[in-house]
Amino acid sequence: MHLSSIHHVAIICADYPRSKRFYTQVLGLRVVAEAWREARRSHKLDLALPDGGQIELFSFPDPPPRPSYPEACGLRHLAFRTPDLDACVAHLQRHGVEVEPIRVDEYTGRRFTFCADPDELPIEFYES
């Protein structure tokens, strides 16, 4: 078996317009496709990352809350690589996003920080 990269990450949101705004206007991801799926009463938004990966943003009626704190089994967080963490943090703060203090990875020496998306999904920004 040969795996070459992550194709996409799927995220279910509680408030579709709010999450769409966060991922497109705050994070700056490009819309590839958007659809309303009547049978599921669900939006599906495909967003492009610069490396070819995608984020799929879904809305479903009344999704249960995501257990994050304390951390639950399953996907822990979504991480984005950035060449300039300081510029990334400044951009997020200009958009009113609360960002944790910058930390240093004890194993790699690289700087990183976290924020949360509108549904409290932890998002990491890793400088490399």
Foldseek 3Di string as FASTA:
>chain_A
DDDDDAAEAEDEDADVVQLVCCVCVLVNWAWPDWDQDVVQRKIWTWTADPVNHIYIYMYGPPDDADDQVVHDPDDNAAEDEDQDVVVSVVSNVVVVWDKDDWDADPVPRWIKTWTAGPRRGIYMYTHD
